Each structure stands twice: as C-alpha cells, then as structure tokens.
Protein backbone atom coordinates (compact mmCIF):
# COMPACT_ATOMS: atom_id res chain seq x y z
CA MET A 1 0.00 0.00 0.00
CA ASN A 2 1.61 3.24 -1.15
CA ILE A 3 1.62 6.51 0.83
CA ARG A 4 -1.22 8.14 -1.14
CA VAL A 5 -3.54 5.20 -0.55
CA ARG A 6 -2.65 5.17 3.14
CA ILE A 7 -3.45 8.89 3.47
CA LYS A 8 -6.83 8.40 1.75
CA PHE A 9 -7.60 5.41 3.97
CA ILE A 10 -6.74 7.36 7.15
CA PHE A 11 -8.84 10.31 5.95
CA TYR A 12 -11.90 8.13 5.28
CA ILE A 13 -11.56 6.34 8.62
CA THR A 14 -11.27 9.69 10.44
CA ALA A 15 -14.33 11.10 8.66
CA VAL A 16 -16.39 8.01 9.50
CA LEU A 17 -15.35 8.16 13.16
CA VAL A 18 -16.22 11.85 13.40
CA MET A 19 -19.65 11.26 11.89
CA VAL A 20 -20.33 8.25 14.11
CA LEU A 21 -19.03 9.68 17.36
CA SER A 22 -20.39 13.19 16.78
CA PRO A 23 -23.66 12.73 14.91
CA ASN A 24 -24.97 16.18 15.90
CA ILE A 25 -22.09 18.22 14.47
CA PHE A 26 -23.75 18.62 11.11
CA ALA A 27 -27.32 18.64 12.45
CA ALA A 28 -29.38 21.81 12.38
CA GLU A 29 -30.07 23.48 15.70
CA GLU A 30 -33.50 22.70 17.11
CA TYR A 31 -35.46 25.31 19.07
CA ALA A 32 -38.54 25.17 21.22
CA LEU A 33 -40.74 28.23 21.60
CA GLU A 34 -39.18 28.97 25.01
CA ASP A 35 -35.71 28.92 23.40
CA LEU A 36 -36.81 31.47 20.81
CA TYR A 37 -38.22 33.65 23.59
CA ARG A 38 -34.93 33.60 25.44
CA ILE A 39 -32.86 34.40 22.36
CA ALA A 40 -35.20 37.20 21.29
CA LEU A 41 -35.10 38.85 24.72
CA GLU A 42 -31.30 38.82 24.55
CA LYS A 43 -30.76 39.94 20.96
CA ALA A 44 -33.77 41.89 19.65
CA GLU A 45 -32.81 45.39 18.52
CA ARG A 46 -36.22 46.78 19.41
CA ILE A 47 -35.77 45.65 23.00
CA LYS A 48 -32.24 47.06 23.06
CA ILE A 49 -33.62 50.43 21.96
CA SER A 50 -36.12 50.39 24.83
CA GLU A 51 -33.35 49.46 27.25
CA GLU A 52 -31.42 52.49 26.06
CA ASP A 53 -34.52 54.63 26.68
CA LEU A 54 -34.50 53.37 30.26
CA PHE A 55 -30.80 54.16 30.54
CA ILE A 56 -31.48 57.70 29.28
CA ALA A 57 -34.25 58.09 31.89
CA GLU A 58 -31.81 57.04 34.61
CA ARG A 59 -29.35 59.68 33.42
CA GLY A 60 -32.18 62.20 33.60
CA LYS A 61 -32.37 61.45 37.32
CA ASP A 62 -28.64 62.17 37.63
CA LYS A 63 -29.16 65.50 35.88
CA ALA A 64 -32.06 66.41 38.19
CA LEU A 65 -30.00 65.45 41.24
CA SER A 66 -27.13 67.66 40.08
CA ALA A 67 -29.39 70.73 40.45
CA LEU A 68 -29.58 70.06 44.20
CA LEU A 69 -25.80 69.90 44.61
CA PRO A 70 -23.48 72.95 44.68
CA THR A 71 -21.17 73.77 41.78
CA LEU A 72 -17.46 74.15 42.47
CA SER A 73 -15.46 75.98 39.85
CA ALA A 74 -11.99 77.43 39.45
CA PHE A 75 -11.17 80.60 37.56
CA GLY A 76 -8.12 82.58 36.53
CA GLU A 77 -7.41 85.87 34.80
CA TYR A 78 -4.36 87.71 33.47
CA LYS A 79 -4.31 91.42 32.49
CA ARG A 80 -1.68 93.45 30.70
CA TYR A 81 -2.16 97.24 30.79
CA SER A 82 -0.89 99.73 28.24
CA GLU A 83 0.99 101.72 30.88
CA LYS A 84 1.59 102.01 34.58
CA LYS A 85 -0.26 104.87 36.33
CA GLU A 86 0.65 106.53 39.61
CA SER A 87 -1.10 109.05 41.80
CA ASN A 88 1.00 111.68 43.55
CA THR A 89 -0.08 112.90 46.98
CA PRO A 90 1.65 115.00 49.65
CA VAL A 91 2.43 111.83 51.47
CA GLY A 92 3.96 110.16 48.41
CA SER A 93 3.08 108.42 45.13
CA PHE A 94 0.77 105.44 44.86
CA ILE A 95 0.26 103.02 41.98
CA THR A 96 -3.31 103.22 40.67
CA GLN A 97 -2.74 100.98 37.65
CA PRO A 98 -0.02 98.33 37.51
CA GLU A 99 1.68 97.12 34.34
CA LYS A 100 0.14 93.67 34.72
CA SER A 101 -1.99 91.70 37.12
CA SER A 102 -3.26 88.18 37.55
CA SER A 103 -5.92 86.58 39.68
CA TRP A 104 -7.22 83.10 40.34
CA GLY A 105 -9.54 81.48 42.79
CA LEU A 106 -12.27 78.99 43.67
CA ARG A 107 -16.02 79.56 43.65
CA LEU A 108 -18.81 77.53 45.23
CA ASP A 109 -22.34 78.27 43.93
CA GLN A 110 -25.75 76.99 44.87
CA SER A 111 -29.07 78.21 43.54
CA LEU A 112 -32.44 76.91 44.74
CA SER A 113 -36.01 77.85 43.98
CA LEU A 114 -38.08 78.58 47.07
CA GLY A 115 -40.95 76.85 45.24
CA GLY A 116 -39.08 73.52 45.38
CA ARG A 117 -38.70 73.17 41.59
CA GLU A 118 -35.47 71.18 41.90
CA ILE A 119 -37.03 68.64 44.27
CA THR A 120 -40.08 68.34 42.01
CA SER A 121 -37.81 67.78 39.02
CA LEU A 122 -36.03 64.97 40.89
CA LYS A 123 -39.39 63.33 41.69
CA ILE A 124 -40.41 63.58 38.02
CA SER A 125 -37.15 61.95 36.90
CA LYS A 126 -37.61 59.06 39.36
CA SER A 127 -41.15 58.54 38.12
CA GLY A 128 -39.82 58.61 34.54
CA ILE A 129 -37.46 55.73 35.36
CA GLU A 130 -40.31 53.68 36.78
CA SER A 131 -42.47 54.43 33.74
CA GLY A 132 -39.56 53.44 31.48
CA ARG A 133 -39.31 50.06 33.19
CA TYR A 134 -42.98 49.36 32.53
CA ASN A 135 -42.61 50.52 28.92
CA LEU A 136 -39.72 48.08 28.50
CA TYR A 137 -41.87 45.30 29.99
CA ALA A 138 -44.71 46.07 27.56
CA ILE A 139 -42.35 46.12 24.58
CA LYS A 140 -40.92 42.75 25.62
CA GLU A 141 -44.42 41.26 25.78
CA ASP A 142 -45.31 42.66 22.36
CA TYR A 143 -42.10 41.27 20.91
CA LEU A 144 -42.67 37.84 22.42
CA LEU A 145 -46.11 37.80 20.82
CA ASN A 146 -44.50 38.64 17.47
CA VAL A 147 -42.08 35.75 17.97
CA SER A 148 -45.01 33.47 18.79
CA SER A 149 -46.88 34.52 15.66
CA ALA A 150 -43.82 33.90 13.45
CA TYR A 151 -43.20 30.57 15.21
CA PHE A 152 -46.72 29.31 14.50
CA ASP A 153 -46.46 30.58 10.92
CA VAL A 154 -43.46 28.25 10.49
CA LEU A 155 -45.42 25.35 11.99
CA LYS A 156 -48.36 26.08 9.67
CA ALA A 157 -46.03 26.22 6.66
CA ALA A 158 -44.31 22.97 7.68
CA LYS A 159 -47.68 21.28 8.15
CA ALA A 160 -48.79 22.57 4.76
CA VAL A 161 -45.73 20.90 3.20
CA GLU A 162 -46.63 17.61 4.91
CA ILE A 163 -50.21 17.85 3.68
CA VAL A 164 -49.09 18.57 0.12
CA LYS A 165 -46.68 15.61 0.24
CA ALA A 166 -49.45 13.31 1.40
CA ASN A 167 -51.74 14.71 -1.28
CA LEU A 168 -49.02 14.12 -3.88
CA GLU A 169 -48.74 10.49 -2.82
CA ARG A 170 -52.52 9.97 -2.95
CA LEU A 171 -52.75 11.55 -6.41
CA SER A 172 -49.82 9.44 -7.63
CA LYS A 173 -51.63 6.30 -6.48
CA HIS A 174 -54.83 7.52 -8.12
CA ARG A 175 -52.96 8.20 -11.37
CA ASP A 176 -51.51 4.67 -11.26
CA ALA A 177 -54.96 3.23 -10.55
CA SER A 178 -56.39 5.22 -13.47
CA ASN A 179 -53.71 3.88 -15.81
CA ALA A 180 -54.43 0.35 -14.61
CA ARG A 181 -58.15 0.75 -15.29
CA LEU A 182 -57.38 2.29 -18.70
CA LYS A 183 -55.28 -0.72 -19.67
CA ALA A 184 -58.04 -3.02 -18.45
CA GLY A 185 -60.54 -1.12 -20.55
CA GLU A 186 -62.52 0.00 -17.51
CA ALA A 187 -61.77 3.74 -17.85
CA THR A 188 -61.30 6.29 -20.60
CA LYS A 189 -58.25 8.35 -21.44
CA THR A 190 -60.03 11.37 -19.94
CA VAL A 191 -59.82 9.83 -16.48
CA VAL A 192 -56.05 9.42 -16.81
CA LEU A 193 -55.61 12.97 -18.13
CA ARG A 194 -57.64 14.34 -15.23
CA ALA A 195 -55.48 12.39 -12.78
CA GLU A 196 -52.29 13.69 -14.47
CA ALA A 197 -53.61 17.27 -14.32
CA GLU A 198 -54.40 16.98 -10.63
CA LEU A 199 -50.97 15.47 -9.99
CA SER A 200 -49.29 18.33 -11.84
CA GLY A 201 -51.25 20.83 -9.75
CA ALA A 202 -50.11 19.05 -6.59
CA ARG A 203 -46.47 19.36 -7.69
CA SER A 204 -47.02 23.08 -8.16
CA ASP A 205 -48.54 23.29 -4.67
CA MET A 206 -45.52 21.44 -3.35
CA LEU A 207 -43.19 24.06 -4.80
CA LYS A 208 -45.23 26.93 -3.38
CA SER A 209 -45.48 25.27 0.02
CA GLY A 210 -41.72 24.72 0.15
CA ASN A 211 -41.02 28.34 -0.68
CA GLY A 212 -43.61 29.45 1.86
CA LEU A 213 -41.85 27.40 4.53
CA ARG A 214 -38.46 28.91 3.67
CA LEU A 215 -39.89 32.42 3.87
CA ALA A 216 -41.62 31.73 7.19
CA LYS A 217 -38.38 30.37 8.65
CA ALA A 218 -36.46 33.42 7.40
CA VAL A 219 -38.98 35.75 9.05
CA LEU A 220 -38.78 33.82 12.33
CA ALA A 221 -34.97 33.87 12.22
CA ARG A 222 -35.04 37.64 11.70
CA ILE A 223 -37.47 38.29 14.56
CA ALA A 224 -35.91 35.85 17.04
CA GLY A 225 -32.31 36.69 16.11
CA ILE A 226 -31.04 33.23 15.14
CA ASN A 227 -28.55 32.32 12.41
CA GLY A 228 -27.94 29.33 10.23
CA GLU A 229 -30.10 26.31 9.57
CA TYR A 230 -32.51 25.35 12.30
CA SER A 231 -35.63 23.38 13.08
CA ILE A 232 -38.36 23.93 15.64
CA ARG A 233 -40.20 21.66 18.03
CA GLU A 234 -43.92 21.45 18.40
CA PRO A 235 -45.24 23.40 21.42
CA MET A 236 -46.60 21.73 24.51
CA ASP A 237 -50.35 21.52 24.86
CA ASN A 238 -51.52 24.69 26.59
CA SER A 239 -55.24 24.04 26.39
CA ARG A 240 -55.35 24.15 30.19
CA TYR A 241 -55.17 27.93 29.91
CA THR A 242 -58.65 27.97 28.38
CA THR A 243 -60.20 27.02 31.69
CA GLY A 244 -62.68 29.66 32.82
CA ILE A 245 -63.48 31.19 29.42
CA GLU A 246 -66.85 29.52 29.12
CA ASP A 247 -69.04 32.43 30.21
CA ASN A 248 -69.12 36.20 30.22
CA GLN A 249 -68.62 36.29 34.00
CA SER A 250 -65.08 34.98 33.53
CA PHE A 251 -64.40 37.81 31.09
CA GLU A 252 -64.67 40.26 33.98
CA SER A 253 -62.01 38.40 35.96
CA PHE A 254 -59.66 38.55 32.97
CA LYS A 255 -60.37 42.27 32.62
CA GLU A 256 -59.62 42.80 36.29
CA THR A 257 -56.35 40.91 35.91
CA ALA A 258 -55.43 43.05 32.91
CA LEU A 259 -56.14 46.31 34.74
CA ASN A 260 -53.90 45.11 37.57
CA GLU A 261 -51.11 43.52 35.53
CA ARG A 262 -50.81 45.32 32.20
CA ALA A 263 -47.57 47.31 32.09
CA GLU A 264 -49.24 49.98 29.95
CA ILE A 265 -51.75 50.71 32.72
CA LYS A 266 -48.99 51.01 35.31
CA SER A 267 -46.92 53.22 32.99
CA ASN A 268 -49.83 55.54 32.22
CA SER A 269 -50.72 55.76 35.89
CA ILE A 270 -47.20 57.00 36.54
CA LYS A 271 -47.49 59.43 33.63
CA LYS A 272 -50.58 60.91 35.31
CA LYS A 273 -48.50 61.49 38.45
CA ILE A 274 -45.71 63.00 36.36
CA ALA A 275 -48.21 65.40 34.76
CA GLU A 276 -49.39 66.47 38.23
CA ASP A 277 -45.79 67.07 39.32
CA GLN A 278 -45.15 69.08 36.18
CA VAL A 279 -47.97 71.42 37.20
CA LYS A 280 -46.23 71.89 40.57
CA TYR A 281 -42.95 72.48 38.76
CA ALA A 282 -44.49 75.15 36.54
CA LYS A 283 -46.18 76.89 39.48
CA GLY A 284 -42.86 76.92 41.33
CA SER A 285 -41.57 79.50 38.85
CA PHE A 286 -43.73 82.11 40.62
CA MET A 287 -41.53 81.77 43.72
CA PRO A 288 -38.18 83.61 44.05
CA THR A 289 -34.81 81.97 43.53
CA LEU A 290 -32.22 82.01 46.32
CA SER A 291 -28.56 81.95 45.28
CA VAL A 292 -25.59 81.40 47.62
CA ALA A 293 -21.93 81.68 46.63
CA GLY A 294 -18.60 81.39 48.42
CA VAL A 295 -15.42 82.72 46.75
CA TYR A 296 -11.69 82.48 47.43
CA LEU A 297 -9.70 85.05 45.40
CA LYS A 298 -5.91 85.46 45.06
CA MET A 299 -4.47 88.47 43.17
CA ASP A 300 -0.97 89.44 42.07
CA GLU A 301 0.08 92.84 40.65
CA ASP A 302 3.33 94.00 39.15
CA PRO A 303 4.45 96.44 40.39
CA SER A 304 2.58 95.83 43.60
CA SER A 305 1.14 98.42 45.88
CA SER A 306 1.12 98.43 49.62
CA PHE A 307 -2.62 99.06 49.44
CA SER A 308 -3.35 96.10 47.15
CA ASN A 309 -5.54 93.30 48.53
CA THR A 310 -3.84 90.12 47.38
CA LYS A 311 -6.19 87.59 49.04
CA SER A 312 -9.94 87.61 49.62
CA VAL A 313 -12.52 85.19 50.93
CA TYR A 314 -16.13 86.26 50.73
CA GLY A 315 -19.67 85.01 50.37
CA THR A 316 -22.76 86.35 48.59
CA LEU A 317 -26.45 85.82 49.14
CA SER A 318 -28.94 86.97 46.51
CA LEU A 319 -32.68 86.70 46.00
CA ASN A 320 -34.11 86.94 42.50
CA PHE A 321 -37.86 87.49 42.05
CA PRO A 322 -39.00 88.37 38.50
CA PHE A 323 -42.29 90.30 38.53
CA PHE A 324 -42.93 90.40 34.80
CA GLU A 325 -41.51 88.20 32.06
CA GLY A 326 -44.05 88.67 29.29
CA GLY A 327 -46.55 86.07 30.58
CA LEU A 328 -44.13 83.14 30.21
CA ARG A 329 -44.80 81.59 33.62
CA ARG A 330 -48.57 81.83 33.24
CA ALA A 331 -48.37 80.14 29.83
CA GLU A 332 -46.20 77.34 31.22
CA VAL A 333 -48.68 76.65 34.04
CA ARG A 334 -51.63 76.56 31.66
CA GLU A 335 -49.68 74.24 29.34
CA ALA A 336 -48.87 71.89 32.25
CA LEU A 337 -52.54 71.82 33.28
CA SER A 338 -53.53 70.90 29.73
CA LYS A 339 -50.97 68.08 29.64
CA LYS A 340 -52.33 66.84 32.97
CA ARG A 341 -55.83 66.64 31.49
CA GLN A 342 -54.41 64.83 28.45
CA ALA A 343 -52.75 62.24 30.72
CA GLU A 344 -56.05 61.64 32.52
CA PHE A 345 -57.94 61.22 29.23
CA ALA A 346 -55.24 58.90 27.88
CA PHE A 347 -55.43 56.76 31.03
CA GLU A 348 -59.21 56.36 30.79
CA ASP A 349 -58.99 55.64 27.06
CA LEU A 350 -56.34 52.98 27.67
CA LYS A 351 -58.53 51.24 30.26
CA LYS A 352 -61.37 51.01 27.76
CA THR A 353 -59.03 49.77 25.03
CA ILE A 354 -57.58 47.07 27.29
CA ASN A 355 -61.07 45.89 28.24
CA ILE A 356 -61.89 45.48 24.55
CA ASP A 357 -58.57 43.70 23.93
CA VAL A 358 -59.28 41.22 26.72
CA GLU A 359 -62.82 40.53 25.58
CA ASN A 360 -61.67 40.10 21.99
CA ALA A 361 -58.92 37.69 23.12
CA CYS A 362 -61.36 35.67 25.24
CA LEU A 363 -63.86 35.40 22.40
CA ASP A 364 -61.07 34.43 20.00
CA VAL A 365 -59.99 31.58 22.29
CA LYS A 366 -63.59 30.35 22.56
CA THR A 367 -64.05 30.62 18.79
CA GLN A 368 -60.84 28.78 17.96
CA ALA A 369 -61.66 26.03 20.47
CA GLY A 370 -65.09 25.52 18.88
CA ILE A 371 -63.64 25.56 15.36
CA LEU A 372 -60.97 23.07 16.38
CA LYS A 373 -63.52 20.55 17.65
CA SER A 374 -65.65 20.86 14.51
CA LEU A 375 -62.68 20.51 12.16
CA GLU A 376 -61.42 17.42 13.99
CA ASP A 377 -64.78 15.78 13.30
CA GLN A 378 -64.73 17.05 9.71
CA LEU A 379 -61.27 15.58 9.10
CA THR A 380 -62.39 12.20 10.43
CA PHE A 381 -65.36 12.20 8.04
CA ALA A 382 -63.18 13.39 5.14
CA LYS A 383 -60.66 10.57 5.67
CA ASP A 384 -63.37 7.92 5.84
CA ASN A 385 -65.04 9.42 2.77
CA TYR A 386 -61.83 9.42 0.74
CA ASN A 387 -60.97 5.84 1.69
CA ALA A 388 -64.46 4.69 0.76
CA VAL A 389 -64.52 6.54 -2.57
CA SER A 390 -61.01 5.27 -3.45
CA LYS A 391 -62.13 1.68 -2.90
CA GLN A 392 -65.25 2.27 -4.95
CA PHE A 393 -63.13 3.73 -7.78
CA GLU A 394 -60.93 0.65 -7.82
CA TYR A 395 -64.01 -1.53 -8.30
CA GLY A 396 -65.65 0.83 -10.77
CA LEU A 397 -68.36 2.01 -8.40
CA ALA A 398 -67.17 5.64 -8.43
CA ASN A 399 -65.74 7.86 -11.14
CA SER A 400 -62.63 10.08 -11.18
CA ILE A 401 -64.57 13.22 -10.28
CA ASP A 402 -65.80 11.57 -7.09
CA VAL A 403 -62.23 10.73 -6.12
CA MET A 404 -61.04 14.28 -6.85
CA ASP A 405 -63.87 15.77 -4.83
CA ALA A 406 -63.13 13.46 -1.91
CA ASN A 407 -59.43 14.28 -2.10
CA THR A 408 -60.09 18.02 -2.26
CA LEU A 409 -62.32 17.76 0.81
CA LEU A 410 -59.61 15.81 2.64
CA VAL A 411 -56.85 18.30 1.76
CA THR A 412 -59.04 21.24 2.74
CA SER A 413 -59.95 19.61 6.05
CA GLU A 414 -56.31 18.86 6.86
CA ARG A 415 -55.25 22.43 6.12
CA GLN A 416 -58.09 23.98 8.07
CA LEU A 417 -57.49 21.72 11.07
CA SER A 418 -53.76 22.49 11.03
CA GLU A 419 -54.36 26.23 10.96
CA ALA A 420 -57.09 25.99 13.61
CA LYS A 421 -54.79 24.01 15.91
CA TYR A 422 -52.04 26.62 15.80
CA ASN A 423 -54.47 29.54 15.79
CA HIS A 424 -55.97 28.18 18.99
CA GLN A 425 -52.59 28.04 20.71
CA LEU A 426 -51.68 31.51 19.44
CA ALA A 427 -55.05 32.83 20.67
CA ILE A 428 -54.20 31.60 24.16
CA LEU A 429 -50.90 33.48 24.06
CA LYS A 430 -52.75 36.58 22.84
CA LEU A 431 -55.04 36.30 25.84
CA LYS A 432 -52.05 36.13 28.16
CA ARG A 433 -50.62 39.21 26.44
CA ALA A 434 -53.95 41.02 26.78
CA THR A 435 -53.99 40.29 30.51
CA GLY A 436 -50.32 41.30 30.93
CA THR A 437 -49.12 37.89 32.12
CA LEU A 438 -47.24 36.63 29.05
CA LEU A 439 -43.76 37.72 30.11
CA THR A 440 -44.33 36.45 33.65
CA THR A 441 -45.27 33.04 32.25
CA VAL A 442 -42.22 32.98 29.98
CA ASN A 443 -39.85 33.96 32.79
CA SER A 444 -41.28 31.25 35.04
CA LYS A 445 -40.39 28.62 32.42
CA GLN A 446 -36.83 29.83 31.77
C-alpha cells in the first residue's frame, strides 16, 4: 500500500469516526418556543432600543440630582495694561494701575427655587425611570407575541408541506390506478388525463409550500435573532389555559387581571402622576430663587502696591424674584394643566381599550376552540369518505370526479385543522398578552 492510498484510507476512517461519534455536528439546531423567547429577549434590537430609553431616563435622574448639589469651579485671569499709572499725593506716590496683574480662585455656587422646583424635578425623573421600566416590559411582551406569531407561521407552513406531500402520494396512487383501469378497458383516457392534471397541480402546490416554509423560517430567524439552519419543536399543549373562558362572567375576571397587571396601565398611571408634578414644577416659577456663593480670590500685581488686597474670601447671598416676564410663567402653568388633562384622558382611554382587547382575546380563544372541535370531526369524516370513494373507484363504483372531490375535501380539512390548531394556541398566548401575564409566564419557564 503506497503513501497516497494510506493517506486516503486514514482520511476516510477519520471522517467516519467523526460522523459516528459526533452525529450532531452537522445537524441543524433545534429550538422550542421557550428557546426562541430567550434568544429574542437577549438579541432583539427593538428591546435594546427600549433598554437604552430606560438608561437615558436614569441619566435624567442624575441631571435632576445635580441641580440640588453645589457647583465648584476654578477661575483665573491675566491682564496686561498699556501703561503704569501713579497718583502723587503730599504723602507720596501710589500706583493706581499696575503694568500687569493676575488673579485666580475657587467659587462655590448653589441656587435653589423657594418653590421647590429642583425637588419636584427629581421626583419627576424618578417617576420617569419607573415608567420606562414598565414601557420596556410592555415592549418585551409585544415582541414575544410577534415571535409566537412567526413561530406558529413556520409550523403552519411545515404542516402545509406535509399535507401537500401526502396529497401528492394519494394523487400518484390515483394516477396509477387510473392507468391500470385504462389498460383493463374500464376507464377512458379522460380519467387518466384528469389524474395527471391533478398530480401536476399538486407538484405546483408542493413548490409553493416549500417556498412558503423557507420564507416563514427566514422571518422567524429575523425576529428571534437566530442564524444558520434550524428546526423547531412542536409546542406543549396549553389548552389548560382555556379554563374559565366559558361564560361572560369569567371575562370580567380577565379584565380585572389586565387592569392590575398590564404594564401599559402602570406606565400611564405614573405618567398621570408626572403630569401632576409638572404642574407643581411650573407653578414653582412664581416663587423667588435664592442663590448662595462662596469665593476664594488670590491676586498678584506688578508692580505691587502696599494698598493692594492680594487675598480675599467672601460670600454672597442673593434673591431673585421676576415680577414680569411677558406672561411666560402663566403660559407654562396653563400648558402643564392641559398636559395633565391629556394624561387623565389617555389613562381612561387605555382602560377602555384594554377591556376590549381582553374581551376580543377571550372570544377568539372560545371561537378557535369551537372551530378546532368541529374541524377534527370534519377531518375524520373526510378521511373515511376518501378511503371509501377510493375503494369504490378501484371496483368501478365511483368515477374520477368523485375521487377528486373526496381528495379536495380531505386536503381542505387537513389544512383547516392544522391552521385551527395553531391559531388556537396563538389565541391563548394573545389572551395572556392582553392580561399582561405573558412575560411572567415565559420567565417562570426559563
């Protein structure tokens, strides 16, 4: 055995061992819905943007706090005069203007409104952080619902491919049976041509279904933030969440849960408080501003004078009270009052909207559950009907049109049941989103 053959043999043996010992190396990653949730919460750009909004709100608190703290600054100055000036007196001459001078020092300033505007601003910034957290929570829930919708779209597309494959097999068998009957003289050429036409249409459906699946997977990968080839697992049965949606009385309990749990309600409630504080902030401008300063000053002159003060330490206290500023403060107060009324209207409007969302979600779950039960029965009848008609066709008791009609009914029933199954599960998740408990449920399963 020469060297080249030995190298090839070693290479083949190594490749076989790698494939046997590591069968999952080349396998596509498989994700459950909970995995997609986790990845989306970590990578989604929309969530990152909201997190940055929260970070900005936290920095707003730092800015508001800085207004309550004094400002320490250093300063320096150098002057060069055109000439030195002296003043002659009977006692002697004194320098009134040196050739050059320099000064430097430290200054501590603090300015506060007697109306408490700085404290009000700090309260507003803290409330803004809390509102930002609830906004982030709501955006996460919305995004998880988008992931869920894309996930079930992939499952629907995959199921559609399976249905088309099964339909293709049935039509192939029917085409073969038609050819057999034609050869036996029990059918006409028309029957075979009809079977071929239906088979060709099924191949076209297969192509469209495959492309639909690829597009659905691309959309899910974009939303969830995954790369490369992947597959997804079927979700667990969550029909237990439908308990208590049988009557209108239960709708009220879901509405109550939503009004207590929805992040949007909590955020808007805080915005109402912020609007009230903004009115206080605007009214605070009618109060005077108290300013306090402490200064250390060091001066040098050349030539120096015996009367020069080279070092000073002093403090200032000032009170500023503008009486007329063109109606600015009055306009700001009226604007703040209008924004307060807007916040109250928005809060009441949101409560009504959430109540409608919850009722719509509850009704959707009930509808999908009823549709699912009916379609399960319909699929059972369609399967039995197709099997019976196929047998009758083989024995000449049914024609080709009967078989095509039975097959069409079967395909339609399979597609409708598949969509209803996933729509029902998605409707349950929509209900959890409407009640504000979706993210809590997801976090509990992580």
